[in-house]
Protein backbone atom coordinates (compact mmCIF):
# COMPACT_ATOMS: atom_id res chain seq x y z
CA MET A 1 5.26 20.80 3.78
CA GLN A 2 6.95 18.46 6.24
CA PRO A 3 8.07 14.92 5.34
CA ASN A 4 6.86 11.89 7.34
CA THR A 5 3.44 13.49 7.60
CA LEU A 6 -0.09 12.12 7.40
CA TYR A 7 -2.74 14.50 6.11
CA TYR A 8 -6.39 14.01 6.98
CA GLY A 9 -8.83 15.31 4.36
CA ASP A 10 -9.72 15.37 0.68
CA ASN A 11 -6.47 14.80 -1.23
CA LEU A 12 -7.48 17.40 -3.87
CA SER A 13 -7.58 20.12 -1.21
CA ILE A 14 -4.50 18.81 0.57
CA LEU A 15 -2.47 18.78 -2.65
CA ARG A 16 -3.49 22.35 -3.47
CA ASP A 17 -3.03 23.73 0.06
CA TYR A 18 0.07 21.95 1.26
CA ILE A 19 2.20 20.37 -1.45
CA PRO A 20 4.48 22.73 -3.43
CA ASP A 21 5.23 22.50 -7.16
CA GLU A 22 7.86 19.95 -8.20
CA SER A 23 8.56 18.70 -4.65
CA VAL A 24 7.84 14.97 -4.88
CA ASP A 25 10.12 12.28 -6.34
CA LEU A 26 7.71 9.35 -6.59
CA ILE A 27 3.92 9.04 -6.45
CA TYR A 28 2.03 5.83 -5.92
CA LEU A 29 -1.76 5.92 -5.84
CA ASP A 30 -4.28 3.15 -5.46
CA PRO A 31 -7.60 4.97 -5.85
CA PRO A 32 -11.00 3.29 -5.39
CA PHE A 33 -11.86 1.39 -8.56
CA ASN A 34 -15.50 2.47 -8.92
CA SER A 35 -16.66 -1.08 -8.40
CA ASN A 36 -19.86 -0.12 -6.57
CA ARG A 37 -18.65 -1.60 -3.30
CA SER A 38 -18.54 -0.44 0.28
CA TYR A 39 -15.12 -1.32 1.63
CA ASN A 40 -15.10 -2.42 5.26
CA VAL A 41 -12.29 -2.67 7.73
CA LEU A 42 -12.39 -6.13 9.30
CA PHE A 43 -10.95 -6.35 12.76
CA LYS A 44 -9.66 -9.55 14.28
CA ASP A 45 -11.10 -11.01 17.44
CA GLU A 46 -8.87 -12.35 20.17
CA SER A 47 -8.72 -15.81 18.58
CA GLY A 48 -7.29 -14.28 15.39
CA HIS A 49 -10.47 -14.80 13.32
CA ASP A 50 -12.36 -12.09 11.44
CA SER A 51 -14.90 -10.38 13.66
CA GLU A 52 -18.45 -10.00 12.34
CA ALA A 53 -18.16 -6.33 13.34
CA GLN A 54 -17.10 -4.12 10.49
CA ILE A 55 -16.47 -0.42 10.03
CA THR A 56 -17.27 1.07 6.66
CA ALA A 57 -14.02 2.72 5.60
CA PHE A 58 -15.28 4.21 2.37
CA ASP A 59 -17.87 3.71 -0.35
CA ASP A 60 -16.18 3.76 -3.75
CA THR A 61 -19.35 4.40 -5.74
CA TRP A 62 -18.98 7.77 -7.45
CA HIS A 63 -21.98 9.86 -8.45
CA TRP A 64 -22.39 12.80 -10.76
CA ASN A 65 -23.49 15.53 -8.37
CA MET A 66 -22.94 19.26 -7.82
CA GLU A 67 -19.35 18.71 -6.68
CA THR A 68 -18.60 16.65 -9.79
CA GLU A 69 -20.17 19.34 -11.98
CA ARG A 70 -18.07 22.00 -10.23
CA ILE A 71 -14.83 20.06 -10.78
CA TYR A 72 -15.79 19.32 -14.38
CA THR A 73 -16.42 23.02 -15.05
CA GLU A 74 -13.11 23.90 -13.42
CA LEU A 75 -11.24 21.47 -15.66
CA VAL A 76 -12.93 22.76 -18.78
CA THR A 77 -12.54 26.47 -18.03
CA GLU A 78 -9.22 26.54 -16.13
CA GLY A 79 -7.36 23.48 -17.42
CA THR A 80 -5.01 23.37 -20.37
CA GLN A 81 -6.51 23.04 -23.82
CA ARG A 82 -5.58 19.35 -23.91
CA VAL A 83 -7.22 18.63 -20.56
CA SER A 84 -10.28 20.69 -21.42
CA SER A 85 -10.79 18.87 -24.73
CA MET A 86 -10.15 15.47 -23.20
CA ILE A 87 -12.56 15.78 -20.30
CA GLY A 88 -15.25 17.27 -22.56
CA ALA A 89 -14.89 14.36 -24.99
CA LEU A 90 -15.05 11.81 -22.16
CA ARG A 91 -18.25 13.40 -20.86
CA GLN A 92 -19.81 13.31 -24.32
CA PHE A 93 -18.71 9.71 -24.89
CA ILE A 94 -19.26 8.19 -21.44
CA GLY A 95 -22.02 10.42 -20.07
CA MET A 96 -22.89 11.85 -16.66
CA ASN A 97 -22.81 8.50 -14.88
CA GLN A 98 -20.72 6.85 -12.19
CA MET A 99 -17.78 6.19 -14.51
CA GLY A 100 -17.93 9.72 -15.83
CA ALA A 101 -17.92 11.12 -12.28
CA TYR A 102 -14.98 8.88 -11.35
CA LEU A 103 -12.89 10.08 -14.29
CA VAL A 104 -13.66 13.74 -13.62
CA MET A 105 -12.58 13.45 -9.99
CA MET A 106 -9.48 11.45 -10.93
CA ALA A 107 -8.51 13.90 -13.71
CA ALA A 108 -8.56 16.83 -11.26
CA ARG A 109 -6.30 14.95 -8.87
CA LEU A 110 -3.89 13.79 -11.58
CA VAL A 111 -3.47 17.38 -12.76
CA GLU A 112 -2.34 18.29 -9.21
CA LEU A 113 -0.13 15.22 -8.94
CA HIS A 114 1.58 16.19 -12.18
CA ARG A 115 2.15 19.66 -10.74
CA VAL A 116 3.80 18.44 -7.52
CA LEU A 117 6.00 15.83 -9.26
CA LYS A 118 9.63 16.78 -9.84
CA PRO A 119 10.93 16.77 -13.46
CA THR A 120 12.93 13.67 -12.47
CA GLY A 121 9.91 12.00 -10.82
CA SER A 122 7.67 9.04 -11.62
CA LEU A 123 4.05 8.08 -11.00
CA TYR A 124 2.45 4.63 -10.63
CA LEU A 125 -1.35 4.46 -10.77
CA HIS A 126 -2.71 1.17 -9.48
CA CYS A 127 -6.06 0.17 -11.04
CA ASP A 128 -8.03 -2.76 -12.38
CA PRO A 129 -9.46 -3.34 -15.89
CA THR A 130 -12.71 -1.59 -14.91
CA ALA A 131 -11.26 1.84 -15.75
CA SER A 132 -7.60 1.35 -16.69
CA HIS A 133 -8.22 2.12 -20.39
CA TYR A 134 -9.97 5.39 -19.54
CA LEU A 135 -7.34 6.32 -16.96
CA LYS A 136 -4.62 5.81 -19.54
CA ILE A 137 -6.32 8.35 -21.81
CA VAL A 138 -6.42 10.81 -18.88
CA LEU A 139 -2.74 10.15 -18.05
CA ASP A 140 -1.68 10.47 -21.71
CA THR A 141 -3.36 13.83 -21.82
CA ILE A 142 -1.84 15.19 -18.60
CA PHE A 143 1.62 13.59 -18.70
CA GLY A 144 1.98 13.22 -22.46
CA PRO A 145 1.96 9.85 -24.31
CA GLU A 146 5.74 10.16 -24.75
CA ASN A 147 6.13 9.89 -20.97
CA PHE A 148 4.24 6.60 -20.72
CA ARG A 149 6.62 3.85 -19.68
CA ASN A 150 4.73 0.66 -18.86
CA ASP A 151 1.35 -0.90 -18.34
CA ILE A 152 2.49 -3.40 -15.69
CA THR A 153 0.29 -6.45 -15.13
CA TRP A 154 0.34 -7.69 -11.56
CA LYS A 155 -0.90 -11.26 -11.24
CA ARG A 156 -2.24 -10.91 -7.75
CA SER A 157 -3.77 -14.39 -7.33
CA ASP A 158 -4.42 -17.76 -8.93
CA THR A 159 -7.59 -18.43 -10.89
CA HIS A 160 -10.89 -18.77 -9.08
CA ASN A 161 -13.44 -21.56 -9.38
CA ASP A 162 -16.29 -19.06 -9.47
CA ALA A 163 -15.61 -17.89 -13.04
CA LYS A 164 -18.78 -19.00 -14.85
CA ASN A 165 -19.17 -16.80 -17.90
CA ARG A 166 -15.75 -15.23 -18.34
CA PHE A 167 -12.07 -15.92 -17.67
CA SER A 168 -11.14 -15.54 -14.02
CA ALA A 169 -10.04 -12.01 -13.10
CA ILE A 170 -6.69 -12.37 -11.35
CA SER A 171 -4.72 -9.26 -12.30
CA ASP A 172 -4.43 -5.54 -11.65
CA HIS A 173 -2.66 -2.87 -13.70
CA LEU A 174 0.05 -0.40 -12.73
CA LEU A 175 0.25 2.51 -15.17
CA PHE A 176 3.82 3.87 -15.01
CA TYR A 177 4.43 7.43 -16.20
CA VAL A 178 7.32 9.91 -15.79
CA LYS A 179 7.37 13.72 -15.76
CA THR A 180 10.21 14.07 -18.28
CA ARG A 181 12.79 11.85 -19.93
CA ASP A 182 15.24 12.81 -17.17
CA TYR A 183 13.90 10.40 -14.56
CA SER A 184 15.37 7.89 -12.11
CA PHE A 185 15.02 4.20 -12.81
CA PHE A 186 16.84 1.21 -11.40
CA VAL A 187 16.50 -2.26 -12.92
CA ASN A 188 14.94 -4.80 -10.52
CA ARG A 189 16.14 -8.37 -10.57
CA VAL A 190 14.72 -11.50 -8.96
CA PRO A 191 16.40 -14.91 -8.38
CA HIS A 192 16.36 -17.39 -11.25
CA HIS A 193 13.46 -19.80 -10.95
CA GLU A 194 13.87 -23.52 -11.53
CA GLY A 195 12.21 -23.54 -14.95
CA HIS A 196 14.43 -20.71 -16.21
CA LEU A 197 17.57 -22.49 -15.07
CA THR A 198 16.48 -25.78 -16.66
CA ASN A 199 15.49 -24.19 -19.98
CA TRP A 200 18.42 -21.80 -20.38
CA PHE A 201 21.37 -22.64 -18.16
CA ASN A 202 21.65 -26.24 -19.24
CA ASN A 203 25.24 -26.26 -20.50
CA ILE A 204 28.40 -27.00 -18.49
CA GLU A 205 31.97 -25.90 -19.07
CA MET A 206 34.32 -28.30 -17.29
CA THR A 207 37.61 -27.26 -15.66
CA ASP A 208 39.56 -28.59 -18.66
CA GLY A 209 37.56 -26.39 -21.02
CA THR A 210 35.36 -29.14 -22.48
CA ILE A 211 31.68 -28.36 -22.90
CA ARG A 212 28.67 -30.61 -22.62
CA LYS A 213 24.92 -30.61 -21.90
CA MET A 214 23.82 -31.15 -18.34
CA THR A 215 22.40 -34.54 -17.48
CA THR A 216 18.81 -35.01 -16.31
CA GLU A 217 20.00 -35.65 -12.76
CA GLU A 218 22.20 -32.50 -12.78
CA LEU A 219 19.27 -30.41 -13.98
CA LYS A 220 17.00 -31.91 -11.32
CA THR A 221 19.43 -31.38 -8.39
CA GLY A 222 21.33 -28.34 -9.64
CA ILE A 223 24.57 -30.07 -8.59
CA VAL A 224 27.43 -30.00 -11.10
CA PRO A 225 30.99 -31.33 -10.90
CA GLU A 226 33.36 -29.31 -8.75
CA GLY A 227 34.77 -26.35 -10.66
CA ALA A 228 32.32 -26.69 -13.52
CA ARG A 229 30.37 -23.62 -14.64
CA ARG A 230 26.78 -23.59 -15.89
CA PHE A 231 26.10 -21.27 -18.80
CA SER A 232 23.50 -20.28 -21.37
CA ILE A 233 24.16 -19.04 -24.89
CA SER A 234 23.35 -15.61 -26.17
CA ASP A 235 22.83 -14.87 -29.85
CA LEU A 236 25.22 -12.24 -31.17
CA SER A 237 23.39 -11.62 -34.46
CA SER A 238 21.54 -8.34 -34.82
CA PRO A 239 17.73 -8.32 -35.06
CA ASN A 240 17.93 -5.22 -37.25
CA PRO A 241 20.11 -4.47 -40.32
CA ARG A 242 23.61 -3.32 -39.19
CA PRO A 243 25.64 -2.57 -42.32
CA ASN A 244 28.52 -1.14 -40.24
CA LEU A 245 28.77 -4.38 -38.24
CA MET A 246 28.97 -6.85 -41.10
CA TYR A 247 32.39 -8.49 -40.75
CA SER A 248 33.67 -12.05 -40.75
CA PHE A 249 35.36 -13.42 -37.63
CA MET A 250 37.63 -16.44 -37.28
CA GLY A 251 36.40 -17.64 -40.67
CA TYR A 252 32.73 -17.37 -39.69
CA PRO A 253 30.58 -15.23 -42.04
CA TYR A 254 28.52 -12.46 -40.60
CA PRO A 255 24.75 -12.90 -40.05
CA ALA A 256 22.34 -11.60 -42.67
CA LYS A 257 21.66 -8.42 -40.60
CA GLY A 258 25.12 -8.05 -39.08
CA TRP A 259 26.46 -8.60 -35.57
CA ARG A 260 25.25 -6.91 -32.38
CA ILE A 261 28.78 -5.84 -31.34
CA THR A 262 31.87 -4.35 -32.89
CA LYS A 263 34.87 -6.42 -34.00
CA GLU A 264 36.91 -4.94 -31.13
CA LYS A 265 34.35 -6.21 -28.63
CA MET A 266 34.28 -9.59 -30.38
CA ASP A 267 38.10 -9.79 -30.07
CA LEU A 268 37.88 -9.02 -26.36
CA LEU A 269 35.24 -11.70 -25.73
CA HIS A 270 37.35 -14.20 -27.62
CA LYS A 271 40.42 -13.43 -25.48
CA GLU A 272 38.31 -13.86 -22.35
CA GLY A 273 37.10 -17.29 -23.54
CA ARG A 274 33.48 -16.19 -23.69
CA LEU A 275 32.73 -17.19 -27.28
CA LEU A 276 31.41 -20.55 -28.45
CA PHE A 277 32.22 -21.62 -31.98
CA PRO A 278 29.81 -24.25 -33.30
CA ASN A 279 30.28 -26.18 -36.52
CA LYS A 280 30.26 -23.62 -39.33
CA GLN A 281 27.56 -25.53 -41.12
CA GLU A 282 25.37 -25.73 -37.99
CA GLY A 283 25.41 -22.23 -36.58
CA ARG A 284 27.09 -18.94 -35.81
CA ILE A 285 29.30 -17.72 -33.02
CA VAL A 286 27.41 -17.27 -29.71
CA LYS A 287 28.34 -15.77 -26.36
CA LYS A 288 28.53 -17.80 -23.16
CA LYS A 289 26.69 -16.32 -20.16
CA TYR A 290 27.87 -17.95 -16.96
CA LEU A 291 25.26 -18.49 -14.26
CA ASP A 292 27.67 -17.53 -11.46
CA GLU A 293 28.00 -14.08 -12.98
CA GLN A 294 24.31 -13.36 -13.32
CA GLU A 295 22.58 -11.13 -10.79
CA GLY A 296 19.18 -12.67 -11.49
CA ILE A 297 16.32 -12.24 -13.94
CA VAL A 298 15.44 -8.70 -14.94
CA VAL A 299 11.89 -7.90 -13.82
CA GLY A 300 9.61 -7.25 -16.77
CA ASP A 301 6.14 -5.73 -17.10
CA ILE A 302 4.33 -8.90 -15.94
CA TRP A 303 4.73 -9.51 -12.17
CA THR A 304 3.81 -13.01 -11.10
CA ASP A 305 6.11 -13.47 -8.12
CA ILE A 306 4.18 -11.29 -5.62
CA THR A 307 0.79 -12.51 -4.51
CA GLN A 308 -2.04 -10.62 -2.82
CA LEU A 309 -2.32 -10.86 0.93
CA ARG A 310 -4.44 -13.67 2.30
CA ALA A 311 -6.43 -13.77 5.50
CA GLN A 312 -3.82 -15.86 7.29
CA ASP A 313 -0.81 -13.73 6.29
CA ALA A 314 0.94 -12.14 9.26
CA GLU A 315 1.38 -8.93 7.28
CA ARG A 316 -2.35 -8.44 6.89
CA LEU A 317 -3.80 -5.63 9.02
CA GLY A 318 -7.46 -6.06 8.14
CA TYR A 319 -7.79 -3.15 5.69
CA PRO A 320 -9.75 -4.20 2.58
CA THR A 321 -7.50 -2.83 -0.14
CA GLN A 322 -4.17 -3.53 1.56
CA LYS A 323 -1.40 -4.41 -0.88
CA PRO A 324 1.68 -6.53 -0.07
CA GLN A 325 4.65 -4.52 1.10
CA ALA A 326 6.87 -6.35 -1.42
CA LEU A 327 4.86 -4.78 -4.25
CA LEU A 328 5.50 -1.27 -2.97
CA GLU A 329 9.16 -2.00 -2.21
CA ARG A 330 9.69 -3.02 -5.83
CA ILE A 331 8.18 0.23 -7.11
CA ILE A 332 10.09 2.40 -4.63
CA GLN A 333 13.43 0.67 -5.32
CA ALA A 334 12.90 0.96 -9.10
CA SER A 335 11.95 4.65 -9.21
CA SER A 336 13.54 6.51 -6.31
CA ASN A 337 16.79 7.02 -4.42
CA PRO A 338 17.35 6.89 -0.66
CA GLY A 339 16.20 10.17 0.84
CA ASP A 340 13.71 10.86 -1.94
CA LEU A 341 10.14 11.94 -1.09
CA VAL A 342 7.34 9.42 -1.77
CA LEU A 343 3.69 10.51 -1.86
CA ASP A 344 0.60 8.28 -1.55
CA PRO A 345 -2.57 10.41 -1.88
CA PHE A 346 -4.92 7.44 -1.18
CA CYS A 347 -2.82 5.88 1.59
CA GLY A 348 -5.45 3.56 3.15
CA CYS A 349 -3.59 1.48 5.74
CA GLY A 350 -0.18 2.94 4.83
CA THR A 351 1.71 0.16 3.05
CA ALA A 352 3.38 2.67 0.70
CA VAL A 353 4.61 4.89 3.56
CA ALA A 354 5.75 1.84 5.58
CA ALA A 355 7.74 0.57 2.56
CA ALA A 356 9.19 4.06 2.03
CA GLU A 357 10.33 4.33 5.65
CA ALA A 358 11.85 0.84 5.55
CA LEU A 359 13.83 1.77 2.42
CA GLY A 360 15.16 5.04 3.78
CA ARG A 361 12.81 7.38 1.86
CA ARG A 362 10.85 10.32 3.21
CA TRP A 363 7.09 10.11 2.77
CA ILE A 364 3.72 11.84 2.79
CA GLY A 365 0.35 10.07 3.08
CA ILE A 366 -3.16 11.49 2.59
CA ASP A 367 -6.47 9.86 3.48
CA ILE A 368 -10.05 11.06 3.90
CA THR A 369 -10.87 9.03 7.02
CA HIS A 370 -9.63 9.40 10.58
CA LEU A 371 -9.87 5.62 10.86
CA ALA A 372 -7.17 5.17 8.20
CA ILE A 373 -4.98 7.96 9.65
CA SER A 374 -5.14 6.31 13.09
CA LEU A 375 -4.36 2.88 11.66
CA ILE A 376 -1.32 4.19 9.76
CA LYS A 377 -0.06 6.17 12.74
CA TYR A 378 -0.16 3.14 15.03
CA ARG A 379 1.35 0.95 12.30
CA MET A 380 4.31 3.27 11.83
CA GLU A 381 4.91 3.87 15.54
CA THR A 382 4.85 0.12 16.23
CA ALA A 383 7.06 -0.81 13.25
CA PHE A 384 9.52 2.03 13.73
CA PRO A 385 9.58 2.89 17.48
CA SER A 386 11.84 5.92 17.09
CA ILE A 387 9.79 7.55 14.35
CA LYS A 388 7.93 10.82 14.74
CA VAL A 389 4.74 10.83 12.68
CA ASN A 390 3.27 14.24 12.02
CA VAL A 391 -0.50 14.46 11.50
CA VAL A 392 -2.12 17.47 9.82
CA GLY A 393 -5.89 17.95 9.80
CA GLU A 394 -6.75 16.30 13.12
CA PRO A 395 -8.37 18.47 15.77
CA GLU A 396 -5.88 20.07 18.12
CA THR A 397 -8.27 22.33 20.05
CA ILE A 398 -11.73 22.03 21.50
CA SER A 399 -13.13 24.36 18.85
CA SER A 400 -11.72 22.22 16.02
CA ALA A 401 -13.04 19.10 17.75
CA ARG A 402 -16.53 20.66 17.92
CA HIS A 403 -16.29 21.55 14.25
CA LEU A 404 -15.44 17.93 13.35
CA ALA A 405 -18.34 16.67 15.50
CA MET A 406 -20.79 18.97 13.71
CA THR A 407 -19.36 18.09 10.29
CA ASP A 408 -19.25 14.30 10.61
CA ARG A 409 -20.06 12.54 13.87
CA TYR A 410 -18.57 9.22 12.72
CA GLN A 411 -15.25 10.83 11.85
CA PHE A 412 -15.36 12.53 15.28
CA GLN A 413 -16.09 9.20 16.94
CA TRP A 414 -13.18 7.46 15.19
CA TRP A 415 -10.87 10.33 16.00
CA ALA A 416 -11.93 10.41 19.68
CA LEU A 417 -11.37 6.66 19.96
CA SER A 418 -7.92 7.01 18.41
CA LEU A 419 -6.90 9.34 21.24
CA ILE A 420 -6.98 6.37 23.62
CA ARG A 421 -6.08 3.74 20.99
CA ALA A 422 -9.48 2.12 21.19
CA ARG A 423 -10.73 -0.02 18.33
CA PRO A 424 -14.03 1.00 16.77
CA VAL A 425 -16.74 -1.64 16.78
CA ALA A 426 -19.77 -2.52 14.69
CA GLU A 427 -21.22 0.20 12.59
CA THR A 428 -22.55 -2.40 10.16
CA THR A 429 -23.25 -6.10 10.31
CA GLY A 430 -20.83 -8.17 8.24
CA LYS A 431 -23.06 -10.24 6.00
CA THR A 432 -25.82 -7.79 5.27
CA GLY A 433 -23.99 -4.46 5.35
CA LYS A 434 -27.09 -2.95 6.95
CA LYS A 435 -27.04 -0.57 9.85
CA GLY A 436 -26.84 -2.46 13.10
CA ALA A 437 -27.24 -1.66 16.77
CA ASP A 438 -23.97 -0.87 18.58
CA ARG A 439 -25.30 -2.28 21.87
CA GLY A 440 -23.98 0.76 23.70
CA ILE A 441 -20.39 0.13 22.57
CA ASP A 442 -18.44 2.50 20.31
CA GLY A 443 -15.00 1.09 20.94
CA VAL A 444 -12.96 -1.41 22.91
CA ILE A 445 -9.45 -1.71 24.31
CA ASN A 446 -8.11 -5.22 24.84
CA PHE A 447 -5.92 -6.29 27.73
CA ILE A 448 -4.88 -9.44 29.61
CA ASP A 449 -5.35 -9.70 33.37
CA ASP A 450 -4.61 -13.25 34.50
CA ARG A 451 -1.78 -15.72 34.13
CA LYS A 452 -3.83 -17.82 31.71
CA GLY A 453 -3.76 -15.03 29.17
CA THR A 454 -7.53 -14.47 29.20
CA ALA A 455 -8.56 -11.52 27.04
CA LYS A 456 -10.63 -8.77 28.63
CA GLN A 457 -12.00 -5.54 27.26
CA VAL A 458 -12.43 -1.92 28.24
CA ILE A 459 -15.74 -0.71 26.79
CA VAL A 460 -15.79 2.81 25.41
CA GLN A 461 -18.71 5.13 24.63
CA VAL A 462 -18.32 8.44 22.81
CA LYS A 463 -20.71 11.42 23.05
CA SER A 464 -20.36 14.62 21.08
CA GLY A 465 -23.60 16.30 22.21
CA LYS A 466 -25.33 17.01 25.46
CA VAL A 467 -24.60 14.52 28.24
CA GLN A 468 -26.47 13.53 31.40
CA SER A 469 -26.30 11.08 34.29
CA SER A 470 -28.53 8.52 32.51
CA HIS A 471 -25.70 7.97 30.03
CA ILE A 472 -23.42 6.79 32.87
CA ARG A 473 -26.14 4.47 34.19
CA ASP A 474 -26.51 3.05 30.68
CA LEU A 475 -22.75 2.48 30.51
CA ILE A 476 -22.83 0.63 33.86
CA GLY A 477 -25.66 -1.52 32.51
CA THR A 478 -23.58 -2.31 29.40
CA LEU A 479 -20.62 -3.30 31.59
CA ASP A 480 -22.82 -5.69 33.57
CA ARG A 481 -24.33 -7.17 30.45
CA GLU A 482 -20.98 -7.68 28.69
CA LYS A 483 -19.20 -8.71 31.91
CA SER A 484 -16.52 -6.11 31.17
CA PRO A 485 -14.36 -4.82 34.00
CA ILE A 486 -13.90 -1.17 32.93
CA GLY A 487 -15.98 1.37 31.05
CA VAL A 488 -14.81 4.70 29.62
CA PHE A 489 -17.12 7.58 28.71
CA LEU A 490 -15.57 10.08 26.25
CA THR A 491 -17.40 13.39 26.07
CA LEU A 492 -16.96 16.66 24.25
CA GLU A 493 -18.96 18.46 26.95
CA GLU A 494 -18.10 18.78 30.61
CA PRO A 495 -19.79 16.09 32.79
CA SER A 496 -22.33 17.13 35.42
CA ARG A 497 -21.89 16.51 39.13
CA GLU A 498 -24.51 13.78 38.96
CA MET A 499 -22.52 12.04 36.21
CA VAL A 500 -19.34 12.15 38.27
CA LYS A 501 -21.28 10.83 41.25
CA GLU A 502 -22.78 7.93 39.25
CA ALA A 503 -19.31 7.02 37.92
CA ALA A 504 -17.77 7.08 41.43
CA GLY A 505 -20.60 4.82 42.72
CA ALA A 506 -19.59 2.09 40.26
CA GLY A 507 -16.54 1.37 42.41
CA PHE A 508 -13.22 -0.10 41.40
CA TYR A 509 -11.89 -3.03 39.41
CA ARG A 510 -8.95 -4.84 41.02
CA SER A 511 -6.43 -6.31 38.61
CA GLU A 512 -5.48 -9.90 39.48
CA LEU A 513 -2.29 -9.79 37.47
CA TRP A 514 -1.07 -6.30 38.36
CA ASN A 515 -2.52 -6.05 41.89
CA GLU A 516 -3.81 -2.53 41.18
CA GLU A 517 -7.24 -0.90 41.50
CA TYR A 518 -8.74 1.06 38.60
CA PRO A 519 -11.97 3.10 38.57
CA ARG A 520 -14.64 0.86 37.01
CA VAL A 521 -16.25 3.79 35.20
CA GLN A 522 -14.08 6.65 33.96
CA ILE A 523 -15.23 9.93 32.40
CA LEU A 524 -12.71 11.65 30.16
CA THR A 525 -13.35 14.88 28.28
CA ILE A 526 -11.84 15.63 24.89
CA GLU A 527 -10.07 18.59 26.48
CA GLN A 528 -8.43 16.30 29.06
CA LEU A 529 -7.33 13.91 26.33
CA LEU A 530 -5.84 16.75 24.29
CA ASN A 531 -3.89 17.70 27.40
CA GLY A 532 -2.47 14.21 27.78
CA ALA A 533 -4.97 12.35 30.03
CA ARG A 534 -5.19 8.59 29.53
CA VAL A 535 -7.37 5.66 30.58
CA GLN A 536 -6.50 4.07 33.91
CA MET A 537 -6.25 0.36 33.12
CA PRO A 538 -3.85 -2.61 33.00
CA PRO A 539 -1.37 -2.44 30.09
CA GLN A 540 -3.15 -3.01 26.80
CA TYR A 541 -1.76 -5.64 24.46
CA GLY A 542 -3.48 -5.19 21.13
CA THR A 543 -6.26 -3.04 19.75
CA PHE A 544 -5.63 -2.68 16.05
CA LYS A 545 -3.67 -5.38 14.28
CA GLY A 546 -0.15 -4.15 14.75
CA ALA A 547 3.01 -4.15 12.72
CA LYS A 548 6.24 -5.94 13.52
CA ARG A 549 9.27 -3.72 13.95
CA GLN A 550 10.83 -3.16 10.57
CA GLN A 551 14.42 -2.63 9.48
CA ARG A 552 15.31 0.57 7.69
CA ASP A 553 18.11 0.43 5.17
CA ASP A 554 20.45 1.59 7.95
CA GLY A 555 19.77 -1.72 9.75
CA SER A 556 18.17 -0.15 12.80
CA GLN A 557 15.32 -2.70 13.00
CA GLN A 558 14.22 -5.83 11.08
CA LEU A 559 11.63 -6.20 8.29
CA GLY A 560 8.26 -7.91 8.51
CA LEU A 561 4.77 -7.57 9.87
CA LEU A 562 2.87 -9.48 12.49
CA ASP A 563 -0.32 -9.44 14.49
CA THR A 564 0.22 -8.05 17.97
CA GLU A 565 -3.03 -9.48 19.23
């Protein structure tokens, strides 16, 4: 296992084949929610608007099939007694349906994630109310109910106007579990919000020691007299009976259930001037908490200060399930130390690994599509220019490329396009989701070639089977139709002489901006690309939405994301 690595493939197999026992410090997973949706990657056009072209990234509908039955049998026969009983009961209760299949596949992965987690490690499972209650049963069984820490509610958005027959769904859940009681946790704090300051820190201690309530104007502006200190009061009475802490102090009787602190501590607070003594008939001794000494509000289990990404947000990369980086940074800061290893087994567009890198953690990401792996790789290389991203599972030889082509031609196509950083184009039509014609275009590379900043495109076609000269003629026809200056033909097989001749006959494209000539039609084999060959073209300026350079904790670059298009 090597840190800072992306693994292509089924995360169940990757976990079993590559990730050792007790090697990971923090796991964050955001698995598909079984919402019967096909998630599509939306790419931006040159104007910054969503393109109608979409690429199906994954279909999160789970079905009970032979693979589900095999995993279920494995859990029953090879799992612990607790796991075996739990999964059997869920099958009997829920049935052999989509939800049942989802829970079987998740249970198998959570068993492996428990195995690879260090005794000091933590796991956060991101889900929605569709299956969170079932997933908590699975997690209680595998991790133990005593290791449950929080069911965090993330208020991701404001209410919607389309809620007709139920309350608007605006939240997700983060189920937080630990491996043992010996785990890392660091309290998160956020700045005081205006309402909190108004409601709680509404007292002033003047420089002469007098105390008064803040005026309406002072509360509104936050401006207090020079040298004055805002404070709130903290009750010192115990919420539970404390017989050993029942003592009188300065003539004040003890509360019915005793004090929270010892008499020695009370003496110290009094010497420091931190106690407030109200009229004995009106109240008890309270502690003053000065605003200028507070680090902020402790983050609780309801998160309302981080919103989901919107279409116009610069951070958005176009991936359907992308989460805000601030959300992942909070989790990583709370449950790991610098240098720790963070694992995301459903890494999507890589927000967890980007946040881990920015915070000085090592990371591992796993995804089942080459499209996601390519997106993350480009994101990390753009955001952190000095980084070396390792990729495991991508073809490195012609034989492995042939195997991928035979196994899944779409995965082969996405992988081939990633070799030249070309953006895939329409596999489906946006509004209908139905199969659409690709118009002879599998991918595009954007570039600018005049002083007005006009966007132009290199058109790319990918072939994994037998090729012939008619394919080159078709590509030339597509170039003419689309008025594109350059076409690239990627092929797994060697081109024939006639193909090379047809390509040469297409002539050259002269760049106005760079004053260079480039072959109008270029044939590149997968073998050539694996050996370092590249497209001859003017410098490209944006294919995928890119990431702004980010600052690691060592200050080497700055934080944030932007669109490079």
